[in-house]
Amino acid sequence: SALLLVVAMTGSRDYGSRYAIFLPMFLAVAAG
């Protein structure tokens, strides 16, 4: 989750939270 977020943060297109759509999946499991 951290790695993909950091990589996505380096992108040149600030277009949406969809570039971090993996967070509601991986972190939902962690929240459990």
PDB file of all heavy atoms in Angstrom:
ATOM      1  N   SER A   1       0.835  -1.203   0.000  1.00  0.00           N
ATOM      2  CA  SER A   1       0.000   0.000   0.000  1.00  0.00           C
ATOM      3  C   SER A   1       0.870   1.254   0.000  1.00  0.00           C
ATOM      4  O   SER A   1       0.632   2.201  -0.756  1.00  0.00           O
ATOM      5  CB  SER A   1      -0.921   0.007   1.226  1.00  0.00           C
ATOM      6  OG  SER A   1      -1.770  -1.120   1.234  1.00  0.00           O
ATOM      7  N   ALA A   2       1.895   1.244   0.860  1.00  0.00           N
ATOM      8  CA  ALA A   2       2.786   2.407   0.943  1.00  0.00           C
ATOM      9  C   ALA A   2       3.572   2.594  -0.342  1.00  0.00           C
ATOM     10  O   ALA A   2       3.715   3.720  -0.849  1.00  0.00           O
ATOM     11  CB  ALA A   2       3.734   2.250   2.130  1.00  0.00           C
ATOM     12  N   LEU A   3       4.085   1.497  -0.893  1.00  0.00           N
ATOM     13  CA  LEU A   3       4.892   1.590  -2.111  1.00  0.00           C
ATOM     14  C   LEU A   3       4.077   2.119  -3.281  1.00  0.00           C
ATOM     15  O   LEU A   3       4.508   3.049  -3.996  1.00  0.00           O
ATOM     16  CB  LEU A   3       5.467   0.215  -2.453  1.00  0.00           C
ATOM     17  CG  LEU A   3       6.258   0.137  -3.769  1.00  0.00           C
ATOM     18  CD1 LEU A   3       7.490   1.019  -3.718  1.00  0.00           C
ATOM     19  CD2 LEU A   3       6.630  -1.311  -4.089  1.00  0.00           C
ATOM     20  N   LEU A   4       2.906   1.563  -3.497  1.00  0.00           N
ATOM     21  CA  LEU A   4       2.077   2.007  -4.622  1.00  0.00           C
ATOM     22  C   LEU A   4       1.644   3.460  -4.452  1.00  0.00           C
ATOM     23  O   LEU A   4       1.552   4.207  -5.430  1.00  0.00           O
ATOM     24  CB  LEU A   4       0.853   1.102  -4.768  1.00  0.00           C
ATOM     25  CG  LEU A   4       1.133  -0.334  -5.207  1.00  0.00           C
ATOM     26  CD1 LEU A   4      -0.154  -1.147  -5.236  1.00  0.00           C
ATOM     27  CD2 LEU A   4       1.803  -0.367  -6.584  1.00  0.00           C
ATOM     28  N   LEU A   5       1.387   3.870  -3.214  1.00  0.00           N
ATOM     29  CA  LEU A   5       1.004   5.264  -2.976  1.00  0.00           C
ATOM     30  C   LEU A   5       2.167   6.202  -3.287  1.00  0.00           C
ATOM     31  O   LEU A   5       1.986   7.236  -3.956  1.00  0.00           O
ATOM     32  CB  LEU A   5       0.553   5.447  -1.528  1.00  0.00           C
ATOM     33  CG  LEU A   5       0.125   6.861  -1.140  1.00  0.00           C
ATOM     34  CD1 LEU A   5      -1.069   7.323  -1.974  1.00  0.00           C
ATOM     35  CD2 LEU A   5      -0.212   6.948   0.346  1.00  0.00           C
ATOM     36  N   VAL A   6       3.359   5.858  -2.841  1.00  0.00           N
ATOM     37  CA  VAL A   6       4.523   6.709  -3.100  1.00  0.00           C
ATOM     38  C   VAL A   6       4.787   6.815  -4.598  1.00  0.00           C
ATOM     39  O   VAL A   6       5.053   7.906  -5.124  1.00  0.00           O
ATOM     40  CB  VAL A   6       5.763   6.159  -2.361  1.00  0.00           C
ATOM     41  CG1 VAL A   6       7.030   6.861  -2.841  1.00  0.00           C
ATOM     42  CG2 VAL A   6       5.607   6.337  -0.853  1.00  0.00           C
ATOM     43  N   VAL A   7       4.702   5.693  -5.301  1.00  0.00           N
ATOM     44  CA  VAL A   7       4.912   5.721  -6.751  1.00  0.00           C
ATOM     45  C   VAL A   7       3.851   6.571  -7.432  1.00  0.00           C
ATOM     46  O   VAL A   7       4.154   7.388  -8.312  1.00  0.00           O
ATOM     47  CB  VAL A   7       4.914   4.287  -7.321  1.00  0.00           C
ATOM     48  CG1 VAL A   7       4.941   4.314  -8.848  1.00  0.00           C
ATOM     49  CG2 VAL A   7       6.124   3.507  -6.801  1.00  0.00           C
ATOM     50  N   ALA A   8       2.585   6.405  -7.025  1.00  0.00           N
ATOM     51  CA  ALA A   8       1.507   7.194  -7.635  1.00  0.00           C
ATOM     52  C   ALA A   8       1.679   8.684  -7.367  1.00  0.00           C
ATOM     53  O   ALA A   8       1.316   9.529  -8.194  1.00  0.00           O
ATOM     54  CB  ALA A   8       0.154   6.712  -7.110  1.00  0.00           C
ATOM     55  N   MET A   9       2.248   9.035  -6.227  1.00  0.00           N
ATOM     56  CA  MET A   9       2.458  10.443  -5.871  1.00  0.00           C
ATOM     57  C   MET A   9       3.474  11.114  -6.786  1.00  0.00           C
ATOM     58  O   MET A   9       3.494  12.342  -6.888  1.00  0.00           O
ATOM     59  CB  MET A   9       2.904  10.560  -4.417  1.00  0.00           C
ATOM     60  CG  MET A   9       1.805  10.306  -3.405  1.00  0.00           C
ATOM     61  SD  MET A   9       2.430  10.056  -1.714  1.00  0.00           S
ATOM     62  CE  MET A   9       3.239  11.621  -1.414  1.00  0.00           C
ATOM     63  N   THR A  10       4.309  10.340  -7.434  1.00  0.00           N
ATOM     64  CA  THR A  10       5.317  10.922  -8.325  1.00  0.00           C
ATOM     65  C   THR A  10       4.767  11.204  -9.718  1.00  0.00           C
ATOM     66  O   THR A  10       5.463  11.792 -10.545  1.00  0.00           O
ATOM     67  CB  THR A  10       6.530   9.985  -8.455  1.00  0.00           C
ATOM     68  OG1 THR A  10       6.131   8.765  -9.113  1.00  0.00           O
ATOM     69  CG2 THR A  10       7.106   9.647  -7.092  1.00  0.00           C
ATOM     70  N   GLY A  11       3.541  10.788 -10.001  1.00  0.00           N
ATOM     71  CA  GLY A  11       2.961  10.999 -11.325  1.00  0.00           C
ATOM     72  C   GLY A  11       2.732  12.475 -11.622  1.00  0.00           C
ATOM     73  O   GLY A  11       2.589  13.294 -10.719  1.00  0.00           O
ATOM     74  N   SER A  12       2.672  12.792 -12.897  1.00  0.00           N
ATOM     75  CA  SER A  12       2.537  14.198 -13.296  1.00  0.00           C
ATOM     76  C   SER A  12       1.083  14.641 -13.414  1.00  0.00           C
ATOM     77  O   SER A  12       0.819  15.822 -13.611  1.00  0.00           O
ATOM     78  CB  SER A  12       3.238  14.420 -14.648  1.00  0.00           C
ATOM     79  OG  SER A  12       2.602  13.667 -15.669  1.00  0.00           O
ATOM     80  N   ARG A  13       0.130  13.701 -13.285  1.00  0.00           N
ATOM     81  CA  ARG A  13      -1.285  14.031 -13.482  1.00  0.00           C
ATOM     82  C   ARG A  13      -2.027  13.999 -12.149  1.00  0.00           C
ATOM     83  O   ARG A  13      -2.292  12.931 -11.599  1.00  0.00           O
ATOM     84  CB  ARG A  13      -1.915  13.047 -14.474  1.00  0.00           C
ATOM     85  CG  ARG A  13      -1.510  13.288 -15.895  1.00  0.00           C
ATOM     86  CD  ARG A  13      -1.826  12.121 -16.809  1.00  0.00           C
ATOM     87  NE  ARG A  13      -0.802  11.088 -16.744  1.00  0.00           N
ATOM     88  CZ  ARG A  13      -0.695  10.076 -17.605  1.00  0.00           C
ATOM     89  NH1 ARG A  13      -1.565   9.965 -18.593  1.00  0.00           N
ATOM     90  NH2 ARG A  13       0.261   9.179 -17.480  1.00  0.00           N
ATOM     91  N   ASP A  14      -2.356  15.168 -11.631  1.00  0.00           N
ATOM     92  CA  ASP A  14      -3.128  15.281 -10.391  1.00  0.00           C
ATOM     93  C   ASP A  14      -4.609  15.264 -10.747  1.00  0.00           C
ATOM     94  O   ASP A  14      -5.297  16.298 -10.702  1.00  0.00           O
ATOM     95  CB  ASP A  14      -2.755  16.572  -9.654  1.00  0.00           C
ATOM     96  CG  ASP A  14      -1.348  16.517  -9.072  1.00  0.00           C
ATOM     97  OD1 ASP A  14      -0.715  15.449  -9.149  1.00  0.00           O
ATOM     98  OD2 ASP A  14      -0.881  17.549  -8.555  1.00  0.00           O
ATOM     99  N   TYR A  15      -5.105  14.077 -11.081  1.00  0.00           N
ATOM    100  CA  TYR A  15      -6.448  13.977 -11.643  1.00  0.00           C
ATOM    101  C   TYR A  15      -7.461  13.256 -10.756  1.00  0.00           C
ATOM    102  O   TYR A  15      -8.640  13.277 -11.068  1.00  0.00           O
ATOM    103  CB  TYR A  15      -6.402  13.256 -12.991  1.00  0.00           C
ATOM    104  CG  TYR A  15      -5.964  14.143 -14.142  1.00  0.00           C
ATOM    105  CD1 TYR A  15      -5.710  13.600 -15.390  1.00  0.00           C
ATOM    106  CD2 TYR A  15      -5.813  15.519 -13.989  1.00  0.00           C
ATOM    107  CE1 TYR A  15      -5.309  14.394 -16.459  1.00  0.00           C
ATOM    108  CE2 TYR A  15      -5.411  16.321 -15.037  1.00  0.00           C
ATOM    109  CZ  TYR A  15      -5.160  15.757 -16.275  1.00  0.00           C
ATOM    110  OH  TYR A  15      -4.761  16.545 -17.330  1.00  0.00           O
ATOM    111  N   GLY A  16      -7.007  12.583  -9.690  1.00  0.00           N
ATOM    112  CA  GLY A  16      -8.045  11.947  -8.912  1.00  0.00           C
ATOM    113  C   GLY A  16      -7.554  10.923  -7.920  1.00  0.00           C
ATOM    114  O   GLY A  16      -6.467  10.355  -8.054  1.00  0.00           O
ATOM    115  N   SER A  17      -8.400  10.659  -6.931  1.00  0.00           N
ATOM    116  CA  SER A  17      -8.098   9.644  -5.932  1.00  0.00           C
ATOM    117  C   SER A  17      -8.143   8.247  -6.513  1.00  0.00           C
ATOM    118  O   SER A  17      -7.698   7.294  -5.871  1.00  0.00           O
ATOM    119  CB  SER A  17      -9.103   9.753  -4.771  1.00  0.00           C
ATOM    120  OG  SER A  17     -10.429   9.558  -5.233  1.00  0.00           O
ATOM    121  N   ARG A  18      -8.644   8.109  -7.738  1.00  0.00           N
ATOM    122  CA  ARG A  18      -8.690   6.779  -8.365  1.00  0.00           C
ATOM    123  C   ARG A  18      -7.293   6.199  -8.559  1.00  0.00           C
ATOM    124  O   ARG A  18      -7.146   4.976  -8.669  1.00  0.00           O
ATOM    125  CB  ARG A  18      -9.432   6.843  -9.699  1.00  0.00           C
ATOM    126  CG  ARG A  18      -8.746   7.666 -10.773  1.00  0.00           C
ATOM    127  CD  ARG A  18      -9.645   7.844 -11.985  1.00  0.00           C
ATOM    128  NE  ARG A  18      -9.038   8.656 -13.025  1.00  0.00           N
ATOM    129  CZ  ARG A  18      -8.358   8.167 -14.057  1.00  0.00           C
ATOM    130  NH1 ARG A  18      -8.196   6.862 -14.174  1.00  0.00           N
ATOM    131  NH2 ARG A  18      -7.851   8.970 -14.972  1.00  0.00           N
ATOM    132  N   TYR A  19      -6.276   7.041  -8.610  1.00  0.00           N
ATOM    133  CA  TYR A  19      -4.915   6.544  -8.734  1.00  0.00           C
ATOM    134  C   TYR A  19      -4.454   5.845  -7.455  1.00  0.00           C
ATOM    135  O   TYR A  19      -3.404   5.201  -7.449  1.00  0.00           O
ATOM    136  CB  TYR A  19      -3.965   7.689  -9.088  1.00  0.00           C
ATOM    137  CG  TYR A  19      -4.159   8.203 -10.492  1.00  0.00           C
ATOM    138  CD1 TYR A  19      -4.947   9.322 -10.739  1.00  0.00           C
ATOM    139  CD2 TYR A  19      -3.583   7.564 -11.580  1.00  0.00           C
ATOM    140  CE1 TYR A  19      -5.151   9.795 -12.030  1.00  0.00           C
ATOM    141  CE2 TYR A  19      -3.772   8.034 -12.877  1.00  0.00           C
ATOM    142  CZ  TYR A  19      -4.558   9.143 -13.092  1.00  0.00           C
ATOM    143  OH  TYR A  19      -4.757   9.608 -14.374  1.00  0.00           O
ATOM    144  N   ALA A  20      -5.231   5.964  -6.387  1.00  0.00           N
ATOM    145  CA  ALA A  20      -4.941   5.252  -5.132  1.00  0.00           C
ATOM    146  C   ALA A  20      -6.109   4.344  -4.761  1.00  0.00           C
ATOM    147  O   ALA A  20      -6.363   4.104  -3.577  1.00  0.00           O
ATOM    148  CB  ALA A  20      -4.666   6.245  -4.009  1.00  0.00           C
ATOM    149  N   ILE A  21      -6.819   3.810  -5.753  1.00  0.00           N
ATOM    150  CA  ILE A  21      -8.005   2.994  -5.486  1.00  0.00           C
ATOM    151  C   ILE A  21      -7.648   1.693  -4.782  1.00  0.00           C
ATOM    152  O   ILE A  21      -8.523   1.017  -4.223  1.00  0.00           O
ATOM    153  CB  ILE A  21      -8.767   2.715  -6.812  1.00  0.00           C
ATOM    154  CG1 ILE A  21     -10.204   2.262  -6.548  1.00  0.00           C
ATOM    155  CG2 ILE A  21      -8.023   1.679  -7.655  1.00  0.00           C
ATOM    156  CD1 ILE A  21     -11.090   3.310  -5.971  1.00  0.00           C
ATOM    157  N   PHE A  22      -6.367   1.340  -4.762  1.00  0.00           N
ATOM    158  CA  PHE A  22      -5.936   0.142  -4.043  1.00  0.00           C
ATOM    159  C   PHE A  22      -6.068   0.322  -2.531  1.00  0.00           C
ATOM    160  O   PHE A  22      -6.193  -0.657  -1.788  1.00  0.00           O
ATOM    161  CB  PHE A  22      -4.486  -0.202  -4.411  1.00  0.00           C
ATOM    162  CG  PHE A  22      -3.546   0.969  -4.331  1.00  0.00           C
ATOM    163  CD1 PHE A  22      -2.965   1.332  -3.134  1.00  0.00           C
ATOM    164  CD2 PHE A  22      -3.274   1.734  -5.461  1.00  0.00           C
ATOM    165  CE1 PHE A  22      -2.114   2.424  -3.053  1.00  0.00           C
ATOM    166  CE2 PHE A  22      -2.418   2.826  -5.400  1.00  0.00           C
ATOM    167  CZ  PHE A  22      -1.839   3.173  -4.180  1.00  0.00           C
ATOM    168  N   LEU A  23      -6.023   1.546  -2.036  1.00  0.00           N
ATOM    169  CA  LEU A  23      -6.084   1.772  -0.585  1.00  0.00           C
ATOM    170  C   LEU A  23      -7.383   1.271   0.043  1.00  0.00           C
ATOM    171  O   LEU A  23      -7.344   0.616   1.093  1.00  0.00           O
ATOM    172  CB  LEU A  23      -5.861   3.247  -0.269  1.00  0.00           C
ATOM    173  CG  LEU A  23      -4.453   3.795  -0.516  1.00  0.00           C
ATOM    174  CD1 LEU A  23      -4.389   5.280  -0.174  1.00  0.00           C
ATOM    175  CD2 LEU A  23      -3.413   3.028   0.294  1.00  0.00           C
ATOM    176  N   PRO A  24      -8.580   1.563  -0.527  1.00  0.00           N
ATOM    177  CA  PRO A  24      -9.801   1.035   0.093  1.00  0.00           C
ATOM    178  C   PRO A  24      -9.882  -0.492   0.085  1.00  0.00           C
ATOM    179  O   PRO A  24     -10.721  -1.048   0.799  1.00  0.00           O
ATOM    180  CB  PRO A  24     -10.923   1.639  -0.770  1.00  0.00           C
ATOM    181  CG  PRO A  24     -10.317   2.816  -1.435  1.00  0.00           C
ATOM    182  CD  PRO A  24      -8.880   2.465  -1.648  1.00  0.00           C
ATOM    183  N   MET A  25      -9.031  -1.146  -0.690  1.00  0.00           N
ATOM    184  CA  MET A  25      -9.036  -2.608  -0.711  1.00  0.00           C
ATOM    185  C   MET A  25      -8.059  -3.176   0.320  1.00  0.00           C
ATOM    186  O   MET A  25      -8.443  -3.911   1.231  1.00  0.00           O
ATOM    187  CB  MET A  25      -8.682  -3.099  -2.117  1.00  0.00           C
ATOM    188  CG  MET A  25      -9.639  -2.635  -3.193  1.00  0.00           C
ATOM    189  SD  MET A  25      -9.197  -3.302  -4.805  1.00  0.00           S
ATOM    190  CE  MET A  25     -10.423  -2.502  -5.845  1.00  0.00           C
ATOM    191  N   PHE A  26      -6.787  -2.817   0.195  1.00  0.00           N
ATOM    192  CA  PHE A  26      -5.778  -3.351   1.104  1.00  0.00           C
ATOM    193  C   PHE A  26      -6.011  -2.890   2.541  1.00  0.00           C
ATOM    194  O   PHE A  26      -5.892  -3.684   3.487  1.00  0.00           O
ATOM    195  CB  PHE A  26      -4.382  -2.928   0.632  1.00  0.00           C
ATOM    196  CG  PHE A  26      -3.874  -3.712  -0.539  1.00  0.00           C
ATOM    197  CD1 PHE A  26      -4.127  -3.304  -1.841  1.00  0.00           C
ATOM    198  CD2 PHE A  26      -3.137  -4.869  -0.349  1.00  0.00           C
ATOM    199  CE1 PHE A  26      -3.652  -4.029  -2.928  1.00  0.00           C
ATOM    200  CE2 PHE A  26      -2.652  -5.603  -1.427  1.00  0.00           C
ATOM    201  CZ  PHE A  26      -2.915  -5.183  -2.717  1.00  0.00           C
ATOM    202  N   LEU A  27      -6.340  -1.620   2.715  1.00  0.00           N
ATOM    203  CA  LEU A  27      -6.482  -1.105   4.073  1.00  0.00           C
ATOM    204  C   LEU A  27      -7.801  -1.511   4.716  1.00  0.00           C
ATOM    205  O   LEU A  27      -7.924  -1.472   5.942  1.00  0.00           O
ATOM    206  CB  LEU A  27      -6.319   0.412   4.084  1.00  0.00           C
ATOM    207  CG  LEU A  27      -4.917   0.900   3.687  1.00  0.00           C
ATOM    208  CD1 LEU A  27      -4.806   2.407   3.859  1.00  0.00           C
ATOM    209  CD2 LEU A  27      -3.828   0.194   4.480  1.00  0.00           C
ATOM    210  N   ALA A  28      -8.776  -1.915   3.921  1.00  0.00           N
ATOM    211  CA  ALA A  28      -9.991  -2.490   4.519  1.00  0.00           C
ATOM    212  C   ALA A  28      -9.652  -3.779   5.240  1.00  0.00           C
ATOM    213  O   ALA A  28     -10.149  -4.045   6.351  1.00  0.00           O
ATOM    214  CB  ALA A  28     -11.041  -2.741   3.438  1.00  0.00           C
ATOM    215  N   VAL A  29      -8.789  -4.597   4.624  1.00  0.00           N
ATOM    216  CA  VAL A  29      -8.360  -5.838   5.271  1.00  0.00           C
ATOM    217  C   VAL A  29      -7.596  -5.521   6.556  1.00  0.00           C
ATOM    218  O   VAL A  29      -7.819  -6.140   7.604  1.00  0.00           O
ATOM    219  CB  VAL A  29      -7.485  -6.666   4.313  1.00  0.00           C
ATOM    220  CG1 VAL A  29      -6.995  -7.942   5.001  1.00  0.00           C
ATOM    221  CG2 VAL A  29      -8.256  -7.020   3.045  1.00  0.00           C
ATOM    222  N   ALA A  30      -6.689  -4.544   6.472  1.00  0.00           N
ATOM    223  CA  ALA A  30      -5.943  -4.149   7.669  1.00  0.00           C
ATOM    224  C   ALA A  30      -6.885  -3.656   8.765  1.00  0.00           C
ATOM    225  O   ALA A  30      -6.707  -3.985   9.951  1.00  0.00           O
ATOM    226  CB  ALA A  30      -4.930  -3.063   7.309  1.00  0.00           C
ATOM    227  N   ALA A  31      -7.898  -2.886   8.393  1.00  0.00           N
ATOM    228  CA  ALA A  31      -8.840  -2.353   9.384  1.00  0.00           C
ATOM    229  C   ALA A  31      -9.598  -3.462  10.098  1.00  0.00           C
ATOM    230  O   ALA A  31      -9.992  -3.302  11.263  1.00  0.00           O
ATOM    231  CB  ALA A  31      -9.816  -1.395   8.710  1.00  0.00           C
ATOM    232  N   GLY A  32      -9.798  -4.580   9.423  1.00  0.00           N
ATOM    233  CA  GLY A  32     -10.509  -5.689  10.059  1.00  0.00           C
ATOM    234  C   GLY A  32      -9.817  -6.224  11.296  1.00  0.00           C
ATOM    235  O   GLY A  32     -10.465  -6.812  12.178  1.00  0.00           O
TER     236      GLY A  32
END
